[in-house]
């Protein structure tokens, strides 16, 4: 839901001209809008006050379950179970050897193949029978649609479940109305988890197609009556507008790409623009906020870099900054596949 990422680590879309100034999501054609001039950067000053406490490294792990499992990995690929389907996809970090025999890798329903360069469109091959574009999936009782996209993604990033569970716990324990802002919301699972837990949710994604898919998921999950605002917008512009309006949120989730373009050609560069967006996320928090969660996929940096940024940004607010990696535990040999870096401030 969520782009142009380091091809050695990327398990996300690779498309430099996709709809997403602060987000690039799978399955979208290149926007034809004329590129707008980039606005002046946000003026930043180091925050006064003590730095938040810190907890690191924190490794958040997703184990195999009935709805999703990393069955095996190696030789630059991963074998996964998504609901009823066994799927093979590229995985640059799987530099070890496969644990399962070849016959297990051959007994699959879909294989992503073809051109996977930044500008290319890949293809799915179905060794058994041709499959439809979508199929039913489930996460913790929430129904949603998996989808074979031309960018090798299927509409969900299972490693994010650790953040979703943590967020749902914060919402439930708050014992008061909670407002959640989900930037780069993609196909909406985080938003659905938050809404089911009782929050009022604002979901922002620059991809019109991703928002449509997210709305489908809301209907499929039986959560159509839950208060979710679906907004097609550039994440930075939306956050700036919310700051001017005085709109405030208790929890902010943001998952920016390394590089992307927005619906009007806005350009996003992670290392240039992340400090400003992080600062904005602090500025639109309520007086009694709960958390801000940053996930960074496939960037040429250590989690220590975003950890230091988050601690500096949230100086004077108390709480704790927890940083580390999201991993998926493999079923075959028990190896851990790292998928992304994260840092979260928790009040």
Foldseek 3Di string as FASTA:
>chain_A
DFECFAVLADPAFQAQQAAAQQTHHFFGDRFPFDADDADDADDDDFDDFAFAAADDDDEQEDEDDQQKAFAWDAPQWTWMHHHPFIEIEGGNVRHHHIQDDPVVVVPGQWYWDDDQPNHDFIDIDGPPDDDDQWDWGDDPLQIAIFGCTRNRGTQDDVLCVSVLVVLLVLLLVVPDEFEEEEESCFLPPSVVSNQVSPYQYEYEHQDPVRLVRNQRSCVRRVNNVGHYHYYNWHRVVVLVVCLVVLAAGQEYEGEGYCWYAHNNGNTHHCVVRVLRVLLSNVSRHDPNHFKYKYKYFRDPDAQVVVQVSNRRSCHPVYFYKHWHFRWYAHDRPRDTDTTTIMIMGGD
